[in-house]
Protein backbone atom coordinates (compact mmCIF):
# COMPACT_ATOMS: atom_id res chain seq x y z
CA UNK A 1 -58.00 103.11 143.63
CA UNK A 2 -60.90 101.32 145.41
CA UNK A 3 -60.00 98.10 143.62
CA UNK A 4 -61.77 96.08 146.30
CA UNK A 5 -65.04 97.84 145.49
CA UNK A 6 -64.49 97.31 141.77
CA UNK A 7 -63.89 93.58 142.20
CA UNK A 8 -67.03 93.22 144.32
CA UNK A 9 -69.24 94.39 141.44
CA UNK A 10 -69.30 90.96 139.82
CA UNK A 11 -71.51 88.17 141.04
CA UNK A 12 -69.82 85.48 143.07
CA UNK A 13 -69.65 81.92 141.77
CA UNK A 14 -72.38 81.03 144.26
CA UNK A 15 -74.74 83.55 142.64
CA UNK A 16 -74.25 82.89 138.94
CA UNK A 17 -76.46 80.59 136.90
CA UNK A 18 -73.73 80.05 134.30
CA UNK A 19 -69.95 80.22 134.61
CA UNK A 20 -69.66 82.61 131.63
CA UNK A 21 -71.56 85.31 133.46
CA UNK A 22 -68.19 86.54 134.73
CA UNK A 23 -66.91 86.91 131.17
CA UNK A 24 -70.00 88.86 130.17
CA UNK A 25 -69.91 91.10 133.24
CA UNK A 26 -66.20 91.90 132.93
CA UNK A 27 -66.52 92.85 129.26
CA UNK A 28 -69.53 95.08 129.87
CA UNK A 29 -68.24 96.71 133.04
CA UNK A 30 -64.81 97.42 131.58
CA UNK A 31 -66.53 98.78 128.47
CA UNK A 32 -68.47 101.24 130.63
CA UNK A 33 -65.22 102.42 132.22
CA UNK A 34 -63.58 103.04 128.84
CA UNK A 35 -66.70 104.82 127.60
CA UNK A 36 -66.69 106.99 130.71
CA UNK A 37 -63.09 107.98 129.97
CA UNK A 38 -63.83 108.62 126.29
CA UNK A 39 -66.82 110.82 127.14
CA UNK A 40 -64.72 112.80 129.62
CA UNK A 41 -62.03 113.37 126.98
CA UNK A 42 -64.64 114.45 124.44
CA UNK A 43 -66.17 116.88 126.92
CA UNK A 44 -62.79 118.42 127.69
CA UNK A 45 -61.97 118.53 123.97
CA UNK A 46 -65.17 120.50 123.41
CA UNK A 47 -64.16 122.99 126.08
CA UNK A 48 -60.77 123.35 124.40
CA UNK A 49 -62.38 123.99 121.02
CA UNK A 50 -64.54 126.68 122.58
CA UNK A 51 -61.37 128.22 124.01
CA UNK A 52 -59.63 128.07 120.64
CA UNK A 53 -57.04 125.53 121.83
CA UNK A 54 -57.38 123.10 118.93
CA UNK A 55 -54.07 121.29 119.41
CA UNK A 56 -55.03 120.13 122.90
CA UNK A 57 -58.52 119.23 121.66
CA UNK A 58 -56.93 117.04 118.98
CA UNK A 59 -54.79 115.26 121.58
CA UNK A 60 -57.78 114.62 123.84
CA UNK A 61 -59.80 113.31 120.92
CA UNK A 62 -56.99 110.90 120.07
CA UNK A 63 -57.22 109.50 123.59
CA UNK A 64 -60.98 109.07 123.26
CA UNK A 65 -60.46 107.27 119.96
CA UNK A 66 -57.96 104.89 121.54
CA UNK A 67 -60.43 104.19 124.34
CA UNK A 68 -63.04 103.25 121.74
CA UNK A 69 -60.53 100.91 120.14
CA UNK A 70 -60.12 99.21 123.52
CA UNK A 71 -63.90 98.82 123.71
CA UNK A 72 -63.92 97.20 120.28
CA UNK A 73 -61.10 94.82 121.17
CA UNK A 74 -63.01 93.64 124.24
CA UNK A 75 -65.69 92.22 121.96
CA UNK A 76 -63.24 89.52 120.87
CA UNK A 77 -63.89 87.79 124.19
CA UNK A 78 -67.42 86.98 123.00
CA UNK A 79 -65.96 84.83 120.23
CA UNK A 80 -65.47 82.28 123.00
CA UNK A 81 -69.13 82.39 124.03
CA UNK A 82 -71.43 79.93 122.27
CA UNK A 83 -75.09 80.69 121.43
CA UNK A 84 -76.14 77.85 123.74
CA UNK A 85 -74.22 79.30 126.67
CA UNK A 86 -75.45 82.82 125.96
CA UNK A 87 -79.08 81.68 125.89
CA UNK A 88 -78.61 79.78 129.14
CA UNK A 89 -77.39 82.81 131.05
CA UNK A 90 -79.50 85.45 129.29
CA UNK A 91 -82.21 85.61 132.01
CA UNK A 92 -79.58 86.70 134.54
CA UNK A 93 -78.03 89.45 132.45
CA UNK A 94 -80.64 92.15 133.04
CA UNK A 95 -80.38 95.41 131.13
CA UNK A 96 -77.38 95.25 128.87
CA UNK A 97 -78.40 96.75 125.57
CA UNK A 98 -76.47 99.64 124.05
CA UNK A 99 -79.52 101.89 124.39
CA UNK A 100 -79.42 101.41 128.16
CA UNK A 101 -75.67 101.94 128.51
CA UNK A 102 -74.95 105.10 130.53
CA UNK A 103 -71.52 105.32 128.92
CA UNK A 104 -72.95 105.15 125.44
CA UNK A 105 -75.50 107.88 126.20
CA UNK A 106 -72.64 110.07 127.44
CA UNK A 107 -70.66 109.35 124.27
CA UNK A 108 -73.57 110.37 122.06
CA UNK A 109 -74.17 113.61 123.95
CA UNK A 110 -70.47 114.50 124.10
CA UNK A 111 -69.97 113.80 120.39
CA UNK A 112 -72.88 116.05 119.44
CA UNK A 113 -71.54 118.82 121.67
CA UNK A 114 -68.10 118.53 120.06
CA UNK A 115 -69.66 118.70 116.60
CA UNK A 116 -71.54 121.88 117.48
CA UNK A 117 -68.45 123.48 119.03
CA UNK A 118 -66.36 122.72 115.96
CA UNK A 119 -69.04 124.03 113.59
CA UNK A 120 -69.25 127.25 115.60
CA UNK A 121 -65.46 127.59 115.57
CA UNK A 122 -65.03 127.23 111.82
CA UNK A 123 -68.06 129.44 111.15
CA UNK A 124 -66.59 132.11 113.40
CA UNK A 125 -63.39 132.01 111.38
CA UNK A 126 -65.28 132.09 108.09
CA UNK A 127 -64.04 128.65 107.01
CA UNK A 128 -66.51 126.66 104.86
CA UNK A 129 -66.71 122.98 105.79
CA UNK A 130 -66.05 122.10 102.14
CA UNK A 131 -62.62 123.75 102.39
CA UNK A 132 -61.37 121.57 105.25
CA UNK A 133 -60.06 118.68 103.14
CA UNK A 134 -57.73 120.67 100.86
CA UNK A 135 -56.44 122.71 103.79
CA UNK A 136 -52.82 122.66 104.90
CA UNK A 137 -52.26 119.33 106.74
CA UNK A 138 -50.44 121.26 109.47
CA UNK A 139 -53.38 123.62 110.01
CA UNK A 140 -54.86 122.96 113.51
CA UNK A 141 -58.41 123.16 112.11
CA UNK A 142 -57.62 120.56 109.47
CA UNK A 143 -55.88 118.31 112.00
CA UNK A 144 -58.82 118.47 114.41
CA UNK A 145 -61.27 117.75 111.58
CA UNK A 146 -59.23 114.66 110.67
CA UNK A 147 -59.22 113.56 114.31
CA UNK A 148 -63.00 113.94 114.43
CA UNK A 149 -63.38 111.82 111.30
CA UNK A 150 -61.15 109.19 112.88
CA UNK A 151 -63.33 109.21 116.00
CA UNK A 152 -66.44 108.76 113.87
CA UNK A 153 -64.78 105.91 111.99
CA UNK A 154 -63.71 104.16 115.19
CA UNK A 155 -67.26 104.32 116.57
CA UNK A 156 -68.56 102.90 113.29
CA UNK A 157 -66.05 100.04 113.46
CA UNK A 158 -67.19 99.28 116.99
CA UNK A 159 -70.81 99.18 115.84
CA UNK A 160 -69.95 96.86 112.94
CA UNK A 161 -68.02 94.51 115.22
CA UNK A 162 -70.79 94.62 117.81
CA UNK A 163 -73.29 93.69 115.12
CA UNK A 164 -71.22 90.70 113.98
CA UNK A 165 -70.79 89.52 117.56
CA UNK A 166 -74.54 89.81 118.14
CA UNK A 167 -75.18 87.63 115.10
CA UNK A 168 -72.58 85.10 116.12
CA UNK A 169 -73.79 84.77 119.69
CA UNK A 170 -77.51 85.40 119.54
CA UNK A 171 -78.80 85.72 115.98
CA UNK A 172 -81.36 88.25 114.81
CA UNK A 173 -84.20 87.62 117.23
CA UNK A 174 -83.33 88.49 119.85
CA UNK A 175 -79.72 89.59 119.56
CA UNK A 176 -79.30 91.76 122.63
CA UNK A 177 -79.78 91.28 126.33
CA UNK A 178 -82.81 93.53 126.48
CA UNK A 179 -84.35 92.13 123.31
CA UNK A 180 -82.64 94.59 120.98
CA UNK A 181 -82.41 92.84 117.58
CA UNK A 182 -79.18 92.71 115.64
CA UNK A 183 -80.97 94.45 112.79
CA UNK A 184 -81.07 97.63 114.90
CA UNK A 185 -77.31 97.46 115.30
CA UNK A 186 -76.94 97.08 111.54
CA UNK A 187 -78.92 100.27 110.93
CA UNK A 188 -76.55 102.24 113.13
CA UNK A 189 -73.32 101.14 111.46
CA UNK A 190 -73.50 103.95 108.90
CA UNK A 191 -74.48 106.66 111.40
CA UNK A 192 -72.10 109.60 111.59
CA UNK A 193 -71.74 112.16 114.38
CA UNK A 194 -70.10 114.64 112.00
CA UNK A 195 -71.80 114.19 108.61
CA UNK A 196 -70.58 117.56 107.29
CA UNK A 197 -66.97 116.44 107.65
CA UNK A 198 -67.70 113.27 105.69
CA UNK A 199 -69.56 115.26 103.05
CA UNK A 200 -66.52 117.49 102.63
CA UNK A 201 -64.45 114.42 101.76
CA UNK A 202 -66.61 113.86 98.68
CA UNK A 203 -65.01 117.00 97.22
CA UNK A 204 -61.38 116.89 98.39
CA UNK A 205 -60.41 119.81 96.16
CA UNK A 206 -62.92 122.02 97.94
CA UNK A 207 -64.93 122.44 94.73
CA UNK A 208 -68.38 120.86 94.89
CA UNK A 209 -68.56 120.76 91.09
CA UNK A 210 -65.76 118.21 91.12
CA UNK A 211 -63.32 120.39 89.15
CA UNK A 212 -59.87 121.19 90.46
CA UNK A 213 -59.24 124.55 92.06
CA UNK A 214 -56.54 126.79 90.52
């Protein structure tokens, strides 16, 4: 398991400039591990979609979604970090913004790939995106679409929580380790990886005119 190597990745107490550096490092490093797992599950889910194995893809996506929930829960640790303490240790934190997170970049790329694979799959079967909501709940395509929406929602919840933590700890200017303002986080809260699936939910009957289907 190489646990000894893992535990050597944090600065020793002789190296830190503030005792809460350990808290910050543990949250960020564990977050990167969960993101790495989530990205791997998304990548495998994409391969399964391409192979037509939607049930396994759904299961893998559920695991990725749970990993993102773990990432969100980790943010609660920052509730115990005051703005004064955060400012004191900020010079030692280096690059820690979401834009510079290797795990987050992998998540973005893997989510886009999954979206393209799903779109190709439903197009190949002649299924309009607008017809996914009223589909049979037991249909594997419908179930995977719901799992993708849940993934999108979980990422959005993480962004919203991250934004609130940034405000609580560091305010608007700056809010992130690398000078990334909290306002940038706020703009991303409404971002969706799978906008077509959300659009389909505006017309749950499958009729874009809003009238019920016979």
